[in-house]
PDB file of N, CA and C in Angstrom:
ATOM      1  N   MET A   1      -0.355  47.241 -59.022  1.00  0.00           N
ATOM      2  CA  MET A   1      -0.127  45.907 -58.480  1.00  0.00           C
ATOM      3  C   MET A   1       1.334  45.807 -58.045  1.00  0.00           C
ATOM      4  N   GLU A   2       1.529  45.150 -56.948  1.00  0.00           N
ATOM      5  CA  GLU A   2       2.864  44.946 -56.380  1.00  0.00           C
ATOM      6  C   GLU A   2       3.132  43.446 -56.314  1.00  0.00           C
ATOM      7  N   GLU A   3       4.345  43.054 -56.682  1.00  0.00           N
ATOM      8  CA  GLU A   3       4.684  41.632 -56.725  1.00  0.00           C
ATOM      9  C   GLU A   3       5.899  41.358 -55.846  1.00  0.00           C
ATOM     10  N   HIS A   4       5.816  40.285 -55.064  1.00  0.00           N
ATOM     11  CA  HIS A   4       6.929  39.850 -54.222  1.00  0.00           C
ATOM     12  C   HIS A   4       7.249  38.402 -54.579  1.00  0.00           C
ATOM     13  N   LEU A   5       8.510  38.136 -54.902  1.00  0.00           N
ATOM     14  CA  LEU A   5       8.951  36.792 -55.245  1.00  0.00           C
ATOM     15  C   LEU A   5       9.701  36.195 -54.065  1.00  0.00           C
ATOM     16  N   ILE A   6       9.425  34.918 -53.799  1.00  0.00           N
ATOM     17  CA  ILE A   6       9.984  34.258 -52.625  1.00  0.00           C
ATOM     18  C   ILE A   6      10.681  32.973 -53.050  1.00  0.00           C
ATOM     19  N   GLU A   7      11.950  32.859 -52.675  1.00  0.00           N
ATOM     20  CA  GLU A   7      12.714  31.649 -52.974  1.00  0.00           C
ATOM     21  C   GLU A   7      12.130  30.482 -52.175  1.00  0.00           C
ATOM     22  N   LEU A   8      11.972  29.351 -52.837  1.00  0.00           N
ATOM     23  CA  LEU A   8      11.430  28.153 -52.191  1.00  0.00           C
ATOM     24  C   LEU A   8      12.574  27.168 -51.987  1.00  0.00           C
ATOM     25  N   LYS A   9      13.255  27.290 -50.879  1.00  0.00           N
ATOM     26  CA  LYS A   9      14.419  26.446 -50.609  1.00  0.00           C
ATOM     27  C   LYS A   9      13.992  24.991 -50.463  1.00  0.00           C
ATOM     28  N   GLY A  10      14.774  24.110 -51.057  1.00  0.00           N
ATOM     29  CA  GLY A  10      14.500  22.682 -50.960  1.00  0.00           C
ATOM     30  C   GLY A  10      13.584  22.162 -52.060  1.00  0.00           C
ATOM     31  N   LEU A  11      13.035  23.056 -52.861  1.00  0.00           N
ATOM     32  CA  LEU A  11      12.212  22.632 -53.997  1.00  0.00           C
ATOM     33  C   LEU A  11      13.008  22.855 -55.278  1.00  0.00           C
ATOM     34  N   SER A  12      12.370  22.607 -56.376  1.00  0.00           N
ATOM     35  CA  SER A  12      13.008  22.810 -57.671  1.00  0.00           C
ATOM     36  C   SER A  12      13.475  24.262 -57.808  1.00  0.00           C
ATOM     37  N   PRO A  13      14.677  24.470 -58.325  1.00  0.00           N
ATOM     38  CA  PRO A  13      15.136  25.847 -58.544  1.00  0.00           C
ATOM     39  C   PRO A  13      14.339  26.548 -59.645  1.00  0.00           C
ATOM     40  N   PHE A  14      13.513  25.797 -60.333  1.00  0.00           N
ATOM     41  CA  PHE A  14      12.706  26.363 -61.414  1.00  0.00           C
ATOM     42  C   PHE A  14      11.361  26.878 -60.922  1.00  0.00           C
ATOM     43  N   LEU A  15      11.099  26.771 -59.611  1.00  0.00           N
ATOM     44  CA  LEU A  15       9.838  27.246 -59.035  1.00  0.00           C
ATOM     45  C   LEU A  15      10.124  28.290 -57.961  1.00  0.00           C
ATOM     46  N   ILE A  16       9.273  29.327 -57.929  1.00  0.00           N
ATOM     47  CA  ILE A  16       9.371  30.357 -56.897  1.00  0.00           C
ATOM     48  C   ILE A  16       7.961  30.708 -56.418  1.00  0.00           C
ATOM     49  N   GLY A  17       7.896  31.247 -55.225  1.00  0.00           N
ATOM     50  CA  GLY A  17       6.621  31.718 -54.707  1.00  0.00           C
ATOM     51  C   GLY A  17       6.389  33.151 -55.154  1.00  0.00           C
ATOM     52  N   ARG A  18       5.133  33.469 -55.423  1.00  0.00           N
ATOM     53  CA  ARG A  18       4.804  34.841 -55.833  1.00  0.00           C
ATOM     54  C   ARG A  18       3.602  35.325 -55.028  1.00  0.00           C
ATOM     55  N   ILE A  19       3.740  36.508 -54.483  1.00  0.00           N
ATOM     56  CA  ILE A  19       2.653  37.160 -53.761  1.00  0.00           C
ATOM     57  C   ILE A  19       2.346  38.442 -54.524  1.00  0.00           C
ATOM     58  N   GLN A  20       1.135  38.533 -55.059  1.00  0.00           N
ATOM     59  CA  GLN A  20       0.719  39.733 -55.771  1.00  0.00           C
ATOM     60  C   GLN A  20      -0.261  40.500 -54.900  1.00  0.00           C
ATOM     61  N   LEU A  21       0.046  41.746 -54.688  1.00  0.00           N
ATOM     62  CA  LEU A  21      -0.758  42.621 -53.849  1.00  0.00           C
ATOM     63  C   LEU A  21      -1.455  43.629 -54.747  1.00  0.00           C
ATOM     64  N   SER A  22      -2.794  43.646 -54.702  1.00  0.00           N
ATOM     65  CA  SER A  22      -3.572  44.562 -55.525  1.00  0.00           C
ATOM     66  C   SER A  22      -4.394  45.474 -54.630  1.00  0.00           C
ATOM     67  N   PRO A  23      -4.249  46.789 -54.794  1.00  0.00           N
ATOM     68  CA  PRO A  23      -5.082  47.694 -54.011  1.00  0.00           C
ATOM     69  C   PRO A  23      -6.539  47.582 -54.453  1.00  0.00           C
ATOM     70  N   ALA A  24      -7.434  47.625 -53.483  1.00  0.00           N
ATOM     71  CA  ALA A  24      -8.876  47.606 -53.748  1.00  0.00           C
ATOM     72  C   ALA A  24      -9.489  48.722 -52.905  1.00  0.00           C
ATOM     73  N   GLY A  25      -9.369  49.936 -53.418  1.00  0.00           N
ATOM     74  CA  GLY A  25      -9.766  51.088 -52.620  1.00  0.00           C
ATOM     75  C   GLY A  25      -8.775  51.262 -51.493  1.00  0.00           C
ATOM     76  N   GLU A  26      -9.246  51.230 -50.258  1.00  0.00           N
ATOM     77  CA  GLU A  26      -8.373  51.359 -49.089  1.00  0.00           C
ATOM     78  C   GLU A  26      -7.899  50.000 -48.587  1.00  0.00           C
ATOM     79  N   LEU A  27      -8.361  48.929 -49.219  1.00  0.00           N
ATOM     80  CA  LEU A  27      -8.029  47.564 -48.811  1.00  0.00           C
ATOM     81  C   LEU A  27      -7.074  46.943 -49.826  1.00  0.00           C
ATOM     82  N   PHE A  28      -6.652  45.708 -49.539  1.00  0.00           N
ATOM     83  CA  PHE A  28      -5.731  45.001 -50.434  1.00  0.00           C
ATOM     84  C   PHE A  28      -6.206  43.574 -50.660  1.00  0.00           C
ATOM     85  N   ASN A  29      -6.075  43.118 -51.901  1.00  0.00           N
ATOM     86  CA  ASN A  29      -6.299  41.719 -52.243  1.00  0.00           C
ATOM     87  C   ASN A  29      -4.937  41.094 -52.501  1.00  0.00           C
ATOM     88  N   VAL A  30      -4.794  39.834 -52.105  1.00  0.00           N
ATOM     89  CA  VAL A  30      -3.510  39.148 -52.213  1.00  0.00           C
ATOM     90  C   VAL A  30      -3.715  37.830 -52.952  1.00  0.00           C
ATOM     91  N   GLU A  31      -2.940  37.619 -54.016  1.00  0.00           N
ATOM     92  CA  GLU A  31      -2.958  36.342 -54.722  1.00  0.00           C
ATOM     93  C   GLU A  31      -1.636  35.638 -54.449  1.00  0.00           C
ATOM     94  N   VAL A  32      -1.723  34.367 -54.056  1.00  0.00           N
ATOM     95  CA  VAL A  32      -0.546  33.585 -53.709  1.00  0.00           C
ATOM     96  C   VAL A  32      -0.435  32.422 -54.689  1.00  0.00           C
ATOM     97  N   ASP A  33       0.703  32.342 -55.376  1.00  0.00           N
ATOM     98  CA  ASP A  33       0.923  31.301 -56.383  1.00  0.00           C
ATOM     99  C   ASP A  33       2.342  30.764 -56.277  1.00  0.00           C
ATOM    100  N   ILE A  34       2.534  29.593 -56.854  1.00  0.00           N
ATOM    101  CA  ILE A  34       3.865  29.061 -57.119  1.00  0.00           C
ATOM    102  C   ILE A  34       4.005  29.135 -58.632  1.00  0.00           C
ATOM    103  N   ILE A  35       5.072  29.796 -59.087  1.00  0.00           N
ATOM    104  CA  ILE A  35       5.225  30.016 -60.521  1.00  0.00           C
ATOM    105  C   ILE A  35       6.551  29.428 -61.020  1.00  0.00           C
ATOM    106  N   GLN A  36       6.615  29.242 -62.331  1.00  0.00           N
ATOM    107  CA  GLN A  36       7.862  28.820 -62.969  1.00  0.00           C
ATOM    108  C   GLN A  36       8.768  30.045 -63.043  1.00  0.00           C
ATOM    109  N   SER A  37       9.997  29.896 -62.590  1.00  0.00           N
ATOM    110  CA  SER A  37      10.887  31.054 -62.470  1.00  0.00           C
ATOM    111  C   SER A  37      11.230  31.701 -63.809  1.00  0.00           C
ATOM    112  N   GLU A  38      11.356  30.928 -64.865  1.00  0.00           N
ATOM    113  CA  GLU A  38      11.751  31.517 -66.144  1.00  0.00           C
ATOM    114  C   GLU A  38      10.583  32.120 -66.907  1.00  0.00           C
ATOM    115  N   SER A  39       9.468  31.413 -66.971  1.00  0.00           N
ATOM    116  CA  SER A  39       8.349  31.883 -67.781  1.00  0.00           C
ATOM    117  C   SER A  39       7.347  32.720 -66.996  1.00  0.00           C
ATOM    118  N   GLY A  40       7.310  32.557 -65.673  1.00  0.00           N
ATOM    119  CA  GLY A  40       6.331  33.267 -64.864  1.00  0.00           C
ATOM    120  C   GLY A  40       4.952  32.633 -64.893  1.00  0.00           C
ATOM    121  N   LYS A  41       4.832  31.488 -65.576  1.00  0.00           N
ATOM    122  CA  LYS A  41       3.543  30.803 -65.642  1.00  0.00           C
ATOM    123  C   LYS A  41       3.215  30.169 -64.296  1.00  0.00           C
ATOM    124  N   ILE A  42       1.935  30.188 -63.977  1.00  0.00           N
ATOM    125  CA  ILE A  42       1.494  29.621 -62.700  1.00  0.00           C
ATOM    126  C   ILE A  42       1.633  28.106 -62.742  1.00  0.00           C
ATOM    127  N   PHE A  43       2.385  27.578 -61.786  1.00  0.00           N
ATOM    128  CA  PHE A  43       2.554  26.135 -61.620  1.00  0.00           C
ATOM    129  C   PHE A  43       1.466  25.603 -60.693  1.00  0.00           C
ATOM    130  N   ASN A  44       1.166  26.388 -59.640  1.00  0.00           N
ATOM    131  CA  ASN A  44       0.126  25.993 -58.691  1.00  0.00           C
ATOM    132  C   ASN A  44      -0.443  27.248 -58.048  1.00  0.00           C
ATOM    133  N   HIS A  45      -1.766  27.370 -58.084  1.00  0.00           N
ATOM    134  CA  HIS A  45      -2.433  28.484 -57.416  1.00  0.00           C
ATOM    135  C   HIS A  45      -2.693  28.077 -55.971  1.00  0.00           C
ATOM    136  N   VAL A  46      -2.273  28.888 -55.018  1.00  0.00           N
ATOM    137  CA  VAL A  46      -2.411  28.558 -53.602  1.00  0.00           C
ATOM    138  C   VAL A  46      -3.695  29.140 -53.030  1.00  0.00           C
ATOM    139  N   THR A  47      -3.880  30.453 -53.124  1.00  0.00           N
ATOM    140  CA  THR A  47      -5.083  31.075 -52.567  1.00  0.00           C
ATOM    141  C   THR A  47      -5.185  32.526 -53.002  1.00  0.00           C
ATOM    142  N   ILE A  48      -6.355  33.111 -52.741  1.00  0.00           N
ATOM    143  CA  ILE A  48      -6.565  34.548 -52.874  1.00  0.00           C
ATOM    144  C   ILE A  48      -7.170  35.031 -51.557  1.00  0.00           C
ATOM    145  N   LEU A  49      -6.632  36.109 -51.039  1.00  0.00           N
ATOM    146  CA  LEU A  49      -7.152  36.732 -49.823  1.00  0.00           C
ATOM    147  C   LEU A  49      -7.743  38.079 -50.213  1.00  0.00           C
ATOM    148  N   TYR A  50      -8.935  38.363 -49.742  1.00  0.00           N
ATOM    149  CA  TYR A  50      -9.625  39.598 -50.120  1.00  0.00           C
ATOM    150  C   TYR A  50      -9.750  40.548 -48.934  1.00  0.00           C
ATOM    151  N   ASN A  51      -9.744  41.838 -49.263  1.00  0.00           N
ATOM    152  CA  ASN A  51     -10.101  42.906 -48.331  1.00  0.00           C
ATOM    153  C   ASN A  51      -9.269  42.941 -47.051  1.00  0.00           C
ATOM    154  N   GLU A  52      -7.969  42.828 -47.230  1.00  0.00           N
ATOM    155  CA  GLU A  52      -7.062  42.951 -46.096  1.00  0.00           C
ATOM    156  C   GLU A  52      -6.803  44.444 -45.850  1.00  0.00           C
ATOM    157  N   PRO A  53      -6.975  44.914 -44.610  1.00  0.00           N
ATOM    158  CA  PRO A  53      -6.877  46.355 -44.353  1.00  0.00           C
ATOM    159  C   PRO A  53      -5.454  46.916 -44.277  1.00  0.00           C
ATOM    160  N   ASP A  54      -4.460  46.091 -43.986  1.00  0.00           N
ATOM    161  CA  ASP A  54      -3.100  46.576 -43.797  1.00  0.00           C
ATOM    162  C   ASP A  54      -2.168  45.936 -44.830  1.00  0.00           C
ATOM    163  N   LYS A  55      -1.415  46.753 -45.545  1.00  0.00           N
ATOM    164  CA  LYS A  55      -0.536  46.258 -46.612  1.00  0.00           C
ATOM    165  C   LYS A  55       0.506  45.274 -46.098  1.00  0.00           C
ATOM    166  N   LYS A  56       1.199  45.642 -45.042  1.00  0.00           N
ATOM    167  CA  LYS A  56       2.259  44.775 -44.513  1.00  0.00           C
ATOM    168  C   LYS A  56       1.671  43.455 -44.005  1.00  0.00           C
ATOM    169  N   GLU A  57       0.560  43.533 -43.313  1.00  0.00           N
ATOM    170  CA  GLU A  57      -0.093  42.325 -42.803  1.00  0.00           C
ATOM    171  C   GLU A  57      -0.602  41.463 -43.957  1.00  0.00           C
ATOM    172  N   ALA A  58      -1.056  42.081 -45.034  1.00  0.00           N
ATOM    173  CA  ALA A  58      -1.524  41.338 -46.205  1.00  0.00           C
ATOM    174  C   ALA A  58      -0.381  40.517 -46.805  1.00  0.00           C
ATOM    175  N   ILE A  59       0.805  41.117 -46.893  1.00  0.00           N
ATOM    176  CA  ILE A  59       1.976  40.400 -47.413  1.00  0.00           C
ATOM    177  C   ILE A  59       2.344  39.259 -46.470  1.00  0.00           C
ATOM    178  N   ASN A  60       2.348  39.537 -45.164  1.00  0.00           N
ATOM    179  CA  ASN A  60       2.672  38.502 -44.179  1.00  0.00           C
ATOM    180  C   ASN A  60       1.687  37.342 -44.240  1.00  0.00           C
ATOM    181  N   LEU A  61       0.406  37.633 -44.410  1.00  0.00           N
ATOM    182  CA  LEU A  61      -0.599  36.572 -44.538  1.00  0.00           C
ATOM    183  C   LEU A  61      -0.363  35.742 -45.797  1.00  0.00           C
ATOM    184  N   GLY A  62       0.027  36.401 -46.886  1.00  0.00           N
ATOM    185  CA  GLY A  62       0.331  35.685 -48.119  1.00  0.00           C
ATOM    186  C   GLY A  62       1.489  34.724 -47.930  1.00  0.00           C
ATOM    187  N   VAL A  63       2.536  35.186 -47.260  1.00  0.00           N
ATOM    188  CA  VAL A  63       3.695  34.334 -46.977  1.00  0.00           C
ATOM    189  C   VAL A  63       3.273  33.169 -46.083  1.00  0.00           C
ATOM    190  N   HIS A  64       2.455  33.452 -45.085  1.00  0.00           N
ATOM    191  CA  HIS A  64       1.973  32.398 -44.180  1.00  0.00           C
ATOM    192  C   HIS A  64       1.195  31.326 -44.941  1.00  0.00           C
ATOM    193  N   HIS A  65       0.311  31.741 -45.837  1.00  0.00           N
ATOM    194  CA  HIS A  65      -0.469  30.768 -46.613  1.00  0.00           C
ATOM    195  C   HIS A  65       0.413  29.955 -47.545  1.00  0.00           C
ATOM    196  N   LEU A  66       1.425  30.588 -48.123  1.00  0.00           N
ATOM    197  CA  LEU A  66       2.367  29.864 -48.977  1.00  0.00           C
ATOM    198  C   LEU A  66       3.122  28.820 -48.161  1.00  0.00           C
ATOM    199  N   GLN A  67       3.607  29.209 -46.995  1.00  0.00           N
ATOM    200  CA  GLN A  67       4.342  28.288 -46.125  1.00  0.00           C
ATOM    201  C   GLN A  67       3.437  27.136 -45.675  1.00  0.00           C
ATOM    202  N   LYS A  68       2.228  27.444 -45.284  1.00  0.00           N
ATOM    203  CA  LYS A  68       1.272  26.423 -44.843  1.00  0.00           C
ATOM    204  C   LYS A  68       0.975  25.436 -45.971  1.00  0.00           C
ATOM    205  N   TYR A  69       0.814  25.944 -47.185  1.00  0.00           N
ATOM    206  CA  TYR A  69       0.550  25.089 -48.345  1.00  0.00           C
ATOM    207  C   TYR A  69       1.735  24.163 -48.598  1.00  0.00           C
ATOM    208  N   LEU A  70       2.943  24.716 -48.587  1.00  0.00           N
ATOM    209  CA  LEU A  70       4.126  23.903 -48.846  1.00  0.00           C
ATOM    210  C   LEU A  70       4.331  22.866 -47.760  1.00  0.00           C
ATOM    211  N   ASN A  71       4.107  23.214 -46.509  1.00  0.00           N
ATOM    212  CA  ASN A  71       4.235  22.254 -45.411  1.00  0.00           C
ATOM    213  C   ASN A  71       3.223  21.113 -45.540  1.00  0.00           C
ATOM    214  N   SER A  72       2.033  21.410 -46.036  1.00  0.00           N
ATOM    215  CA  SER A  72       1.011  20.362 -46.194  1.00  0.00           C
ATOM    216  C   SER A  72       1.400  19.376 -47.295  1.00  0.00           C
ATOM    217  N   LYS A  73       2.203  19.811 -48.255  1.00  0.00           N
ATOM    218  CA  LYS A  73       2.622  18.934 -49.352  1.00  0.00           C
ATOM    219  C   LYS A  73       3.826  18.088 -48.976  1.00  0.00           C
ATOM    220  N   VAL A  74       4.612  18.534 -47.999  1.00  0.00           N
ATOM    221  CA  VAL A  74       5.817  17.814 -47.584  1.00  0.00           C
ATOM    222  C   VAL A  74       5.473  16.708 -46.616  1.00  0.00           C
ATOM    223  N   HIS A  75       4.509  16.937 -45.721  1.00  0.00           N
ATOM    224  CA  HIS A  75       4.197  15.972 -44.657  1.00  0.00           C
ATOM    225  C   HIS A  75       3.118  15.025 -45.070  1.00  0.00           C
TER     226      HIS A  75
END
């Protein structure tokens, strides 16, 4: 499993975005969450993407879903 942490500018400094990439054979599953920075506990689950064929694109899609989720909460 691979984990990418993303700073959420303008939100609480105690929250960060997390994209977890899990290989599933030749494909990748992506879990997108907002977590507490100190404990790592999930504050909000955003989505799970299944069977993405390209690793880099899977990460980009995870970031896109995180951004889309955050924008929907601001507006």
